[in-house]
C-alpha atoms as a PDB file:
ATOM      1  CA  MET A   1       0.000   0.000   0.000  1.00  0.00           C
ATOM      2  CA  THR A   2       1.256   3.468  -0.912  1.00  0.00           C
ATOM      3  CA  LEU A   3       0.150   6.563   0.964  1.00  0.00           C
ATOM      4  CA  THR A   4      -0.284   9.763  -1.027  1.00  0.00           C
ATOM      5  CA  PHE A   5      -0.831  12.969   0.937  1.00  0.00           C
ATOM      6  CA  VAL A   6      -1.858  16.449  -0.200  1.00  0.00           C
ATOM      7  CA  GLU A   7      -1.459  18.935   2.638  1.00  0.00           C
ATOM      8  CA  ASN A   8      -3.624  21.674   1.121  1.00  0.00           C
ATOM      9  CA  LEU A   9      -5.685  21.221  -2.037  1.00  0.00           C
ATOM     10  CA  LEU A  10      -5.986  24.995  -2.442  1.00  0.00           C
ATOM     11  CA  ASP A  11      -2.229  25.185  -3.058  1.00  0.00           C
ATOM     12  CA  VAL A  12      -2.181  22.583  -5.861  1.00  0.00           C
ATOM     13  CA  VAL A  13      -2.983  25.107  -8.632  1.00  0.00           C
ATOM     14  CA  GLU A  14      -3.219  28.898  -8.828  1.00  0.00           C
ATOM     15  CA  ILE A  15      -5.875  30.975 -10.562  1.00  0.00           C
ATOM     16  CA  GLU A  16      -4.395  32.552 -13.703  1.00  0.00           C
ATOM     17  CA  ALA A  17      -5.856  35.679 -15.293  1.00  0.00           C
ATOM     18  CA  GLY A  18      -8.366  35.012 -18.049  1.00  0.00           C
ATOM     19  CA  THR A  19      -8.103  31.233 -18.142  1.00  0.00           C
ATOM     20  CA  ARG A  20      -8.752  27.812 -16.611  1.00  0.00           C
ATOM     21  CA  THR A  21      -5.946  25.616 -15.338  1.00  0.00           C
ATOM     22  CA  SER A  22      -5.807  22.212 -13.658  1.00  0.00           C
ATOM     23  CA  LYS A  23      -3.301  19.939 -12.027  1.00  0.00           C
ATOM     24  CA  LEU A  24      -3.373  16.317 -10.919  1.00  0.00           C
ATOM     25  CA  ALA A  25      -3.370  16.259  -7.110  1.00  0.00           C
ATOM     26  CA  LEU A  26      -3.128  12.487  -6.720  1.00  0.00           C
ATOM     27  CA  SER A  27      -3.813   9.246  -8.502  1.00  0.00           C
ATOM     28  CA  GLY A  28      -4.443   5.771  -7.144  1.00  0.00           C
ATOM     29  CA  ASP A  29      -6.077   2.458  -8.019  1.00  0.00           C
ATOM     30  CA  ALA A  30      -9.612   3.671  -7.309  1.00  0.00           C
ATOM     31  CA  ALA A  31      -9.586   7.344  -8.329  1.00  0.00           C
ATOM     32  CA  ARG A  32      -7.796  10.296  -9.906  1.00  0.00           C
ATOM     33  CA  VAL A  33      -8.108  13.676  -8.210  1.00  0.00           C
ATOM     34  CA  LEU A  34      -7.572  16.973 -10.013  1.00  0.00           C
ATOM     35  CA  VAL A  35      -7.839  20.555  -8.805  1.00  0.00           C
ATOM     36  CA  PHE A  36      -9.151  23.130 -11.283  1.00  0.00           C
ATOM     37  CA  ALA A  37      -8.672  26.892 -11.004  1.00  0.00           C
ATOM     38  CA  PHE A  38     -10.879  29.271 -13.012  1.00  0.00           C
ATOM     39  CA  ASP A  39     -10.670  33.003 -13.427  1.00  0.00           C
ATOM     40  CA  ALA A  40     -14.054  34.750 -13.595  1.00  0.00           C
ATOM     41  CA  GLY A  41     -15.761  33.883 -16.877  1.00  0.00           C
ATOM     42  CA  ALA A  42     -13.436  30.963 -17.672  1.00  0.00           C
ATOM     43  CA  GLU A  43     -15.122  27.770 -18.824  1.00  0.00           C
ATOM     44  CA  LEU A  44     -14.739  24.065 -19.251  1.00  0.00           C
ATOM     45  CA  THR A  45     -16.802  23.549 -22.404  1.00  0.00           C
ATOM     46  CA  GLU A  46     -19.238  20.673 -22.796  1.00  0.00           C
ATOM     47  CA  HIS A  47     -17.595  17.262 -22.548  1.00  0.00           C
ATOM     48  CA  SER A  48     -18.186  13.929 -20.801  1.00  0.00           C
ATOM     49  CA  ALA A  49     -16.131  11.651 -18.585  1.00  0.00           C
ATOM     50  CA  PRO A  50     -15.671   7.916 -19.248  1.00  0.00           C
ATOM     51  CA  GLY A  51     -16.528   7.065 -15.630  1.00  0.00           C
ATOM     52  CA  PRO A  52     -18.574   8.647 -12.847  1.00  0.00           C
ATOM     53  CA  ILE A  53     -17.250  11.845 -11.256  1.00  0.00           C
ATOM     54  CA  LEU A  54     -17.531  13.759  -7.995  1.00  0.00           C
ATOM     55  CA  VAL A  55     -17.107  17.547  -8.110  1.00  0.00           C
ATOM     56  CA  GLN A  56     -16.641  19.700  -5.011  1.00  0.00           C
ATOM     57  CA  GLY A  57     -16.497  23.475  -4.785  1.00  0.00           C
ATOM     58  CA  LEU A  58     -13.371  24.694  -2.974  1.00  0.00           C
ATOM     59  CA  THR A  59     -13.517  28.478  -3.461  1.00  0.00           C
ATOM     60  CA  GLY A  60     -15.597  30.980  -5.411  1.00  0.00           C
ATOM     61  CA  HIS A  61     -18.800  30.377  -7.352  1.00  0.00           C
ATOM     62  CA  LEU A  62     -19.204  28.005 -10.320  1.00  0.00           C
ATOM     63  CA  GLU A  63     -22.093  27.089 -12.581  1.00  0.00           C
ATOM     64  CA  PHE A  64     -22.194  23.369 -13.433  1.00  0.00           C
ATOM     65  CA  SER A  65     -24.645  22.353 -16.138  1.00  0.00           C
ATOM     66  CA  THR A  66     -25.918  19.288 -17.964  1.00  0.00           C
ATOM     67  CA  ASP A  67     -28.625  19.144 -20.640  1.00  0.00           C
ATOM     68  CA  GLU A  68     -31.201  18.662 -17.881  1.00  0.00           C
ATOM     69  CA  ASP A  69     -29.916  20.582 -14.839  1.00  0.00           C
ATOM     70  CA  THR A  70     -27.851  23.571 -13.776  1.00  0.00           C
ATOM     71  CA  VAL A  71     -26.512  23.992 -10.246  1.00  0.00           C
ATOM     72  CA  GLU A  72     -24.463  26.710  -8.605  1.00  0.00           C
ATOM     73  CA  LEU A  73     -21.458  25.191  -6.885  1.00  0.00           C
ATOM     74  CA  ARG A  74     -19.948  27.055  -3.945  1.00  0.00           C
ATOM     75  CA  PRO A  75     -17.376  26.055  -1.303  1.00  0.00           C
ATOM     76  CA  GLY A  76     -18.533  22.922   0.494  1.00  0.00           C
ATOM     77  CA  GLY A  77     -21.005  21.954  -2.241  1.00  0.00           C
ATOM     78  CA  MET A  78     -20.584  18.610  -3.977  1.00  0.00           C
ATOM     79  CA  LEU A  79     -22.197  16.784  -6.871  1.00  0.00           C
ATOM     80  CA  HIS A  80     -22.081  13.348  -8.471  1.00  0.00           C
ATOM     81  CA  LEU A  81     -22.448  12.739 -12.189  1.00  0.00           C
ATOM     82  CA  ASP A  82     -22.808   9.391 -13.922  1.00  0.00           C
ATOM     83  CA  ALA A  83     -20.416   8.297 -16.667  1.00  0.00           C
ATOM     84  CA  ARG A  84     -20.737   9.764 -20.152  1.00  0.00           C
ATOM     85  CA  VAL A  85     -23.165  12.574 -19.184  1.00  0.00           C
ATOM     86  CA  PRO A  86     -22.318  15.735 -21.156  1.00  0.00           C
ATOM     87  CA  HIS A  87     -21.619  18.683 -18.858  1.00  0.00           C
ATOM     88  CA  ALA A  88     -19.934  22.093 -18.728  1.00  0.00           C
ATOM     89  CA  VAL A  89     -18.522  24.371 -16.012  1.00  0.00           C
ATOM     90  CA  ARG A  90     -18.379  28.177 -15.950  1.00  0.00           C
ATOM     91  CA  ALA A  91     -16.832  30.380 -13.264  1.00  0.00           C
ATOM     92  CA  LEU A  92     -19.043  33.206 -12.060  1.00  0.00           C
ATOM     93  CA  GLU A  93     -16.078  34.535 -10.061  1.00  0.00           C
ATOM     94  CA  PRO A  94     -12.476  33.355  -9.515  1.00  0.00           C
ATOM     95  CA  SER A  95     -12.923  29.790  -8.249  1.00  0.00           C
ATOM     96  CA  LYS A  96     -11.348  26.427  -7.523  1.00  0.00           C
ATOM     97  CA  MET A  97     -12.961  22.984  -7.663  1.00  0.00           C
ATOM     98  CA  LEU A  98     -11.949  19.436  -6.894  1.00  0.00           C
ATOM     99  CA  LEU A  99     -12.692  16.717  -9.463  1.00  0.00           C
ATOM    100  CA  THR A 100     -12.560  13.059  -8.470  1.00  0.00           C
ATOM    101  CA  MET A 101     -12.688  10.660 -11.401  1.00  0.00           C
ATOM    102  CA  LEU A 102     -13.972   7.253 -10.317  1.00  0.00           C
ATOM    103  CA  PRO A 103     -13.363   3.933 -12.093  1.00  0.00           C
ATOM    104  CA  LYS A 104     -15.556   2.921 -15.020  1.00  0.00           C
ATOM    105  CA  GLY A 105     -18.165   0.290 -14.354  1.00  0.00           C
END
């Protein structure tokens, strides 16, 4: 067994003016965890993930949308999305979010 430790997820990636950035925080057998940083107005255009995902708001205010629903994600908020569901993310203010990619099937 290997232990991977991230002391502070907020320090994994910095918000950069006018854009969206991300960095892998950790990866293991059961999940991959990325931290995204968005400047206000930055987007992650519509796409889908091969497996289910968990998304948690860390800072700021994000809009997360699918064809059927739109939610506002703020610090402490979390959502689950099934595999292959098209979705998009837009920052309403400078923001960070945690993405956990779970195994397929």
